[in-house]
Amino acid sequence: MVDPRDAIRDHLARALDDPASRWSLGGFGAVAEFDCAAGEPVTCLGRFGRLTPRGALILDPTDDLVMVAYETGFTGGWSHCVALCLPAAGALVSGVEVVNLRGADTGAARPQDRDALIFDLGLGMPQGWAGLRTRDPDLVARLSAACGVSAFASGSPVARLLAERRVDVVMGTPLGRIEVFGGPAAPAMGGPRAFVAPRMLRAGRTHAATAPIPPGLVPCALLHPPHPCRDAEGRPIPFDAGNHAAFQAVLSRWGDPRLVALKERLAAGEAMPRGAGRAARAVGRVVAAQVACQAESILEPDTGKMVPGSSRDVEKSIRDTTR
């Protein structure tokens, strides 16, 4: 029998080798993402680390790691991901809520960054921290002067440094780190990026309310496998049956068994149970979105081209699925 811990590690290693997969670390209101553009050079940092010219991802899958796969429906489509969770006792971290100096970043992915100073932004994320890293004497002086106050207080240099990409951004949780190297942005190529939304941070949440994370678990990283209807930049593509089947297999293995069974029944044409709760209705929205996406990309037998499906059939499927 395969050890569940080995199965998780093997899945993560395969996903790291897939350039179409994306990763994110952080919390509700502050997150860093890692992916790479087609043809971009990627260096392996052991089994669970990857380095590109624009950023790095280093994972540390612990023995108590729990994988939670789920889908989220929304107007016009759905998203899917695998949350890498830890029990709350080992996931929640404490720290000061003001800018503070962490010291030299000895855990940096690149050797040349390990003597650079990293300043913790003191964002108060329940499961992690975010920092700015630099060796520039002027920027070190400016960040040192901001220590002891809120990162986004009046006069703080943090917001401007984030916007100008003059420093490296490092996002860490108990499951690893993502580094976004400073320098010119390349929006057309995707790649590592970081976002901080102070208003969302004030909610103190570990994750969005729409994410069905079981009680007692805290998501510390997210894996975003390739989507069947959107590319890495969120643009629509013809339905990719391979990507869809791949995630359904992941969902069957690491999703909520009750919701997976409900989805199978709804997809087979059953009506939504009476008195269905929020989670069940969310599954219905996902099924409706997937029915619509597949119907809009029907393969024409004679030409092999993707052609629009019947809007009448799509509307009927949505009504039947969500009623």
Protein backbone atom coordinates (compact mmCIF):
# COMPACT_ATOMS: atom_id res chain seq x y z
CA MET A 1 0.00 0.00 0.00
CA VAL A 2 1.33 3.44 -0.95
CA ASP A 3 2.05 5.74 1.98
CA PRO A 4 -0.30 8.78 1.65
CA ARG A 5 2.66 11.07 2.39
CA ASP A 6 4.60 9.57 -0.52
CA ALA A 7 1.57 9.97 -2.79
CA ILE A 8 1.35 13.66 -1.91
CA ARG A 9 5.07 14.24 -2.46
CA ASP A 10 4.98 12.41 -5.80
CA HIS A 11 2.03 14.51 -6.95
CA LEU A 12 3.75 17.75 -5.96
CA ALA A 13 6.95 16.74 -7.72
CA ARG A 14 5.06 15.97 -10.94
CA ALA A 15 3.21 19.28 -10.74
CA LEU A 16 6.48 21.14 -10.27
CA ASP A 17 7.73 19.57 -13.50
CA ASP A 18 4.65 20.84 -15.36
CA PRO A 19 5.33 24.38 -16.63
CA ALA A 20 1.59 24.94 -17.07
CA SER A 21 0.95 24.66 -13.33
CA ARG A 22 0.88 27.76 -11.12
CA TRP A 23 1.56 28.08 -7.41
CA SER A 24 0.70 30.62 -4.75
CA LEU A 25 1.68 31.19 -1.12
CA GLY A 26 0.48 33.69 1.43
CA GLY A 27 -2.84 34.48 2.98
CA PHE A 28 -6.10 36.37 2.52
CA GLY A 29 -4.97 39.78 1.28
CA ALA A 30 -1.28 39.05 0.60
CA VAL A 31 -0.15 36.44 -1.87
CA ALA A 32 2.77 35.64 -4.14
CA GLU A 33 2.41 33.57 -7.30
CA PHE A 34 4.96 31.50 -9.18
CA ASP A 35 4.81 30.26 -12.73
CA CYS A 36 7.03 30.42 -15.78
CA ALA A 37 6.61 31.40 -19.41
CA ALA A 38 6.92 28.90 -22.24
CA GLY A 39 10.59 28.34 -23.00
CA GLU A 40 11.80 30.18 -19.92
CA PRO A 41 14.81 28.44 -18.33
CA VAL A 42 14.01 26.62 -15.09
CA THR A 43 16.59 25.33 -12.60
CA CYS A 44 15.70 22.56 -10.14
CA LEU A 45 16.51 23.31 -6.50
CA GLY A 46 16.21 19.79 -5.20
CA ARG A 47 12.96 17.87 -5.64
CA PHE A 48 10.66 20.65 -4.43
CA GLY A 49 12.32 23.86 -5.58
CA ARG A 50 12.34 25.70 -8.90
CA LEU A 51 14.25 28.82 -9.96
CA THR A 52 13.72 31.04 -13.01
CA PRO A 53 15.35 34.37 -13.96
CA ARG A 54 12.37 36.18 -12.40
CA GLY A 55 11.60 34.26 -9.24
CA ALA A 56 11.74 31.08 -7.20
CA LEU A 57 9.54 28.57 -5.41
CA ILE A 58 10.76 26.37 -2.57
CA LEU A 59 8.34 23.93 -0.94
CA ASP A 60 8.82 22.00 2.29
CA PRO A 61 6.09 19.31 2.36
CA THR A 62 5.89 18.19 5.98
CA ASP A 63 4.49 14.88 7.20
CA ASP A 64 1.27 16.50 8.44
CA LEU A 65 0.49 18.10 5.08
CA VAL A 66 -3.12 17.57 3.96
CA MET A 67 -4.20 18.10 0.34
CA VAL A 68 -7.67 19.53 -0.29
CA ALA A 69 -8.81 19.71 -3.92
CA TYR A 70 -11.84 21.81 -4.81
CA GLU A 71 -13.60 23.80 -7.51
CA THR A 72 -15.27 27.19 -7.14
CA GLY A 73 -18.05 28.38 -9.45
CA PHE A 74 -18.60 32.03 -10.32
CA THR A 75 -20.40 34.07 -12.96
CA GLY A 76 -19.05 33.00 -16.33
CA GLY A 77 -16.93 30.06 -15.25
CA TRP A 78 -15.13 28.27 -12.44
CA SER A 79 -11.70 27.88 -10.90
CA HIS A 80 -9.98 24.86 -9.43
CA CYS A 81 -7.03 24.34 -7.15
CA VAL A 82 -5.41 22.06 -4.60
CA ALA A 83 -4.91 23.63 -1.18
CA LEU A 84 -1.84 22.43 0.72
CA CYS A 85 -3.02 22.58 4.31
CA LEU A 86 -1.59 22.07 7.76
CA PRO A 87 -3.37 21.53 11.07
CA ALA A 88 -4.05 24.93 12.64
CA ALA A 89 -1.70 24.18 15.54
CA GLY A 90 1.28 24.01 13.17
CA ALA A 91 0.12 26.49 10.55
CA LEU A 92 -0.71 29.62 12.48
CA VAL A 93 2.28 31.85 13.10
CA SER A 94 2.62 34.91 15.28
CA GLY A 95 4.60 38.02 14.59
CA VAL A 96 4.72 41.72 15.20
CA GLU A 97 2.42 43.85 13.04
CA VAL A 98 4.96 46.51 12.17
CA VAL A 99 7.91 46.57 9.78
CA ASN A 100 10.91 44.81 11.31
CA LEU A 101 14.32 43.58 10.20
CA ARG A 102 14.62 39.79 9.91
CA GLY A 103 18.33 39.96 9.09
CA ALA A 104 20.25 38.31 6.27
CA ASP A 105 18.06 36.08 4.11
CA THR A 106 20.05 32.88 4.59
CA GLY A 107 17.21 30.79 3.11
CA ALA A 108 17.24 32.60 -0.24
CA ALA A 109 17.00 30.49 -3.39
CA ARG A 110 20.02 32.17 -5.05
CA PRO A 111 23.38 32.12 -3.21
CA GLN A 112 24.02 35.77 -4.10
CA ASP A 113 20.90 36.82 -2.16
CA ARG A 114 21.77 35.12 1.12
CA ASP A 115 23.63 38.11 2.53
CA ALA A 116 20.94 40.61 1.47
CA LEU A 117 18.75 42.00 4.24
CA ILE A 118 15.10 41.12 4.43
CA PHE A 119 12.51 43.33 6.13
CA ASP A 120 9.33 41.67 7.41
CA LEU A 121 6.36 43.89 6.51
CA GLY A 122 4.50 42.88 9.67
CA LEU A 123 1.24 42.25 7.80
CA GLY A 124 -0.26 40.06 10.50
CA MET A 125 -1.10 37.16 8.17
CA PRO A 126 -2.29 34.22 10.29
CA GLN A 127 -0.22 31.65 8.37
CA GLY A 128 2.78 33.48 7.06
CA TRP A 129 4.82 36.60 6.48
CA ALA A 130 5.82 38.89 3.62
CA GLY A 131 9.10 40.69 3.30
CA LEU A 132 11.14 42.99 1.09
CA ARG A 133 14.75 42.05 0.37
CA THR A 134 17.54 44.36 -0.78
CA ARG A 135 21.22 45.11 -0.40
CA ASP A 136 20.96 48.63 -1.82
CA PRO A 137 22.30 50.91 1.00
CA ASP A 138 19.78 53.67 0.27
CA LEU A 139 16.80 51.30 0.33
CA VAL A 140 18.13 49.55 3.44
CA ALA A 141 18.25 52.95 5.14
CA ARG A 142 14.71 53.82 4.07
CA LEU A 143 13.30 50.49 5.23
CA SER A 144 15.25 50.67 8.49
CA ALA A 145 13.68 54.06 9.15
CA ALA A 146 10.23 52.48 8.64
CA CYS A 147 10.80 49.77 11.26
CA GLY A 148 8.43 49.93 14.19
CA VAL A 149 5.47 51.37 12.27
CA SER A 150 2.80 49.94 9.99
CA ALA A 151 3.98 49.03 6.49
CA PHE A 152 1.34 51.25 4.91
CA ALA A 153 1.42 54.16 7.35
CA SER A 154 1.78 57.66 5.96
CA GLY A 155 5.37 58.22 4.85
CA SER A 156 6.24 54.51 4.67
CA PRO A 157 8.23 53.57 1.52
CA VAL A 158 6.66 50.10 1.29
CA ALA A 159 3.80 50.82 -1.13
CA ARG A 160 6.06 52.68 -3.54
CA LEU A 161 8.78 50.03 -3.45
CA LEU A 162 6.18 47.34 -4.20
CA ALA A 163 4.79 49.33 -7.12
CA GLU A 164 8.21 50.16 -8.57
CA ARG A 165 9.56 46.59 -8.20
CA ARG A 166 12.84 47.97 -6.89
CA VAL A 167 13.24 45.19 -4.31
CA ASP A 168 12.65 41.45 -4.13
CA VAL A 169 9.40 40.32 -2.52
CA VAL A 170 9.52 37.17 -0.41
CA MET A 171 6.37 35.42 0.83
CA GLY A 172 6.79 32.66 3.39
CA THR A 173 4.54 30.13 5.16
CA PRO A 174 5.30 26.95 7.13
CA LEU A 175 5.26 25.11 3.79
CA GLY A 176 7.87 27.14 1.97
CA ARG A 177 8.45 30.41 0.16
CA ILE A 178 8.01 32.23 -3.13
CA GLU A 179 10.50 34.89 -4.19
CA VAL A 180 9.62 37.55 -6.76
CA PHE A 181 12.79 39.21 -7.97
CA GLY A 182 12.79 42.96 -8.42
CA GLY A 183 13.19 44.39 -11.89
CA PRO A 184 11.14 45.34 -14.94
CA ALA A 185 7.75 43.67 -15.13
CA ALA A 186 6.94 41.46 -18.09
CA PRO A 187 3.11 41.30 -18.03
CA ALA A 188 2.82 39.60 -21.41
CA MET A 189 4.91 36.67 -20.17
CA GLY A 190 3.20 36.00 -16.88
CA GLY A 191 5.70 34.85 -14.28
CA PRO A 192 6.14 35.42 -10.54
CA ARG A 193 4.21 38.29 -8.98
CA ALA A 194 3.03 39.48 -5.58
CA PHE A 195 -0.08 41.28 -4.36
CA VAL A 196 -0.81 43.00 -1.06
CA ALA A 197 -4.28 44.37 -0.25
CA PRO A 198 -4.25 46.03 3.20
CA ARG A 199 -8.05 46.25 3.41
CA MET A 200 -8.42 42.49 2.92
CA LEU A 201 -5.66 41.79 5.42
CA ARG A 202 -7.60 43.56 8.12
CA ALA A 203 -10.22 40.79 7.98
CA GLY A 204 -7.66 38.42 9.53
CA ARG A 205 -8.91 35.45 7.51
CA THR A 206 -6.79 32.46 6.56
CA HIS A 207 -8.65 31.96 3.25
CA ALA A 208 -11.63 33.11 1.21
CA ALA A 209 -15.06 32.07 2.44
CA THR A 210 -15.73 30.30 -0.87
CA ALA A 211 -12.85 27.86 -0.33
CA PRO A 212 -14.24 24.67 1.31
CA ILE A 213 -11.33 24.09 3.68
CA PRO A 214 -12.27 21.61 6.43
CA PRO A 215 -12.36 22.96 10.00
CA GLY A 216 -9.05 22.70 11.81
CA LEU A 217 -6.96 23.04 8.64
CA VAL A 218 -5.20 26.13 7.30
CA PRO A 219 -4.13 26.48 3.65
CA CYS A 220 -0.45 27.46 3.48
CA ALA A 221 0.09 27.06 -0.28
CA LEU A 222 -2.05 26.50 -3.35
CA LEU A 223 -1.41 24.50 -6.52
CA HIS A 224 -3.32 25.71 -9.59
CA PRO A 225 -3.25 22.97 -12.28
CA PRO A 226 -3.91 23.87 -15.93
CA HIS A 227 -7.53 24.88 -16.50
CA PRO A 228 -9.56 23.26 -19.30
CA CYS A 229 -11.17 26.51 -20.49
CA ARG A 230 -8.64 29.26 -19.72
CA ASP A 231 -4.94 29.77 -20.30
CA ALA A 232 -2.48 30.90 -17.62
CA GLU A 233 -3.46 34.55 -18.18
CA GLY A 234 -7.18 33.82 -17.79
CA ARG A 235 -8.01 34.08 -21.49
CA PRO A 236 -10.64 31.65 -22.86
CA ILE A 237 -9.45 28.63 -24.84
CA PRO A 238 -11.33 25.71 -26.47
CA PHE A 239 -12.29 23.06 -23.94
CA ASP A 240 -9.28 20.85 -23.12
CA ALA A 241 -10.65 17.42 -22.20
CA GLY A 242 -7.24 16.25 -20.97
CA ASN A 243 -6.87 19.06 -18.45
CA HIS A 244 -10.45 18.52 -17.30
CA ALA A 245 -10.01 14.77 -16.80
CA ALA A 246 -6.71 15.28 -14.99
CA PHE A 247 -8.23 17.57 -12.39
CA GLN A 248 -11.34 15.42 -11.95
CA ALA A 249 -9.00 12.56 -10.99
CA VAL A 250 -7.30 14.84 -8.46
CA LEU A 251 -10.70 15.95 -7.16
CA SER A 252 -11.82 12.34 -6.74
CA ARG A 253 -8.71 11.54 -4.73
CA TRP A 254 -8.31 14.65 -2.57
CA GLY A 255 -11.69 16.37 -2.69
CA ASP A 256 -14.56 16.19 -0.19
CA PRO A 257 -16.09 12.74 -0.90
CA ARG A 258 -19.65 13.99 -0.29
CA LEU A 259 -19.30 16.89 -2.70
CA VAL A 260 -17.57 14.70 -5.28
CA ALA A 261 -20.47 12.22 -5.13
CA LEU A 262 -23.00 15.04 -5.41
CA LYS A 263 -21.20 16.41 -8.44
CA GLU A 264 -21.31 13.02 -10.15
CA ARG A 265 -25.07 12.80 -9.56
CA LEU A 266 -25.72 16.33 -10.82
CA ALA A 267 -23.55 15.77 -13.89
CA ALA A 268 -25.58 12.61 -14.61
CA GLY A 269 -28.76 14.69 -14.71
CA GLU A 270 -30.16 14.46 -11.18
CA ALA A 271 -31.81 17.53 -9.70
CA MET A 272 -30.30 19.43 -6.79
CA PRO A 273 -31.56 17.96 -3.49
CA ARG A 274 -34.23 19.95 -1.69
CA GLY A 275 -32.84 22.18 1.05
CA ALA A 276 -29.32 21.99 -0.35
CA GLY A 277 -26.80 24.04 1.58
CA ARG A 278 -24.22 26.54 0.40
CA ALA A 279 -21.57 23.97 -0.46
CA ALA A 280 -24.02 21.88 -2.51
CA ARG A 281 -25.27 24.91 -4.41
CA ALA A 282 -21.66 25.84 -5.16
CA VAL A 283 -21.15 22.38 -6.68
CA GLY A 284 -24.23 22.99 -8.83
CA ARG A 285 -22.75 26.21 -10.17
CA VAL A 286 -19.53 24.41 -11.08
CA VAL A 287 -21.40 21.65 -12.92
CA ALA A 288 -23.43 24.25 -14.83
CA ALA A 289 -20.30 26.17 -15.82
CA GLN A 290 -18.56 23.00 -16.98
CA VAL A 291 -21.58 21.88 -18.99
CA ALA A 292 -21.67 25.28 -20.67
CA CYS A 293 -17.93 25.29 -21.41
CA GLN A 294 -18.01 21.84 -22.98
CA ALA A 295 -21.14 22.62 -25.01
CA GLU A 296 -19.53 25.77 -26.39
CA SER A 297 -16.57 23.72 -27.68
CA ILE A 298 -18.05 20.77 -29.53
CA LEU A 299 -15.75 19.02 -31.98
CA GLU A 300 -17.18 19.01 -35.51
CA PRO A 301 -16.74 15.42 -36.82
CA ASP A 302 -16.06 16.31 -40.46
CA THR A 303 -13.54 19.12 -39.98
CA GLY A 304 -12.09 18.44 -36.54
CA LYS A 305 -12.70 22.10 -35.62
CA MET A 306 -14.16 23.33 -32.35
CA VAL A 307 -17.62 24.79 -32.98
CA PRO A 308 -20.15 26.44 -30.64
CA GLY A 309 -22.68 24.17 -29.00
CA SER A 310 -26.40 24.72 -28.90
CA SER A 311 -27.22 27.56 -26.52
CA ARG A 312 -30.64 25.94 -25.97
CA ASP A 313 -28.99 22.74 -24.74
CA VAL A 314 -26.63 24.73 -22.50
CA GLU A 315 -29.47 26.69 -20.91
CA LYS A 316 -31.45 23.50 -20.29
CA SER A 317 -28.43 21.81 -18.69
CA ILE A 318 -27.89 24.76 -16.38
CA ARG A 319 -31.54 24.82 -15.32
CA ASP A 320 -31.60 21.07 -14.71
CA THR A 321 -28.37 21.12 -12.77
CA THR A 322 -29.07 24.00 -10.40
CA ARG A 323 -32.81 23.76 -9.77
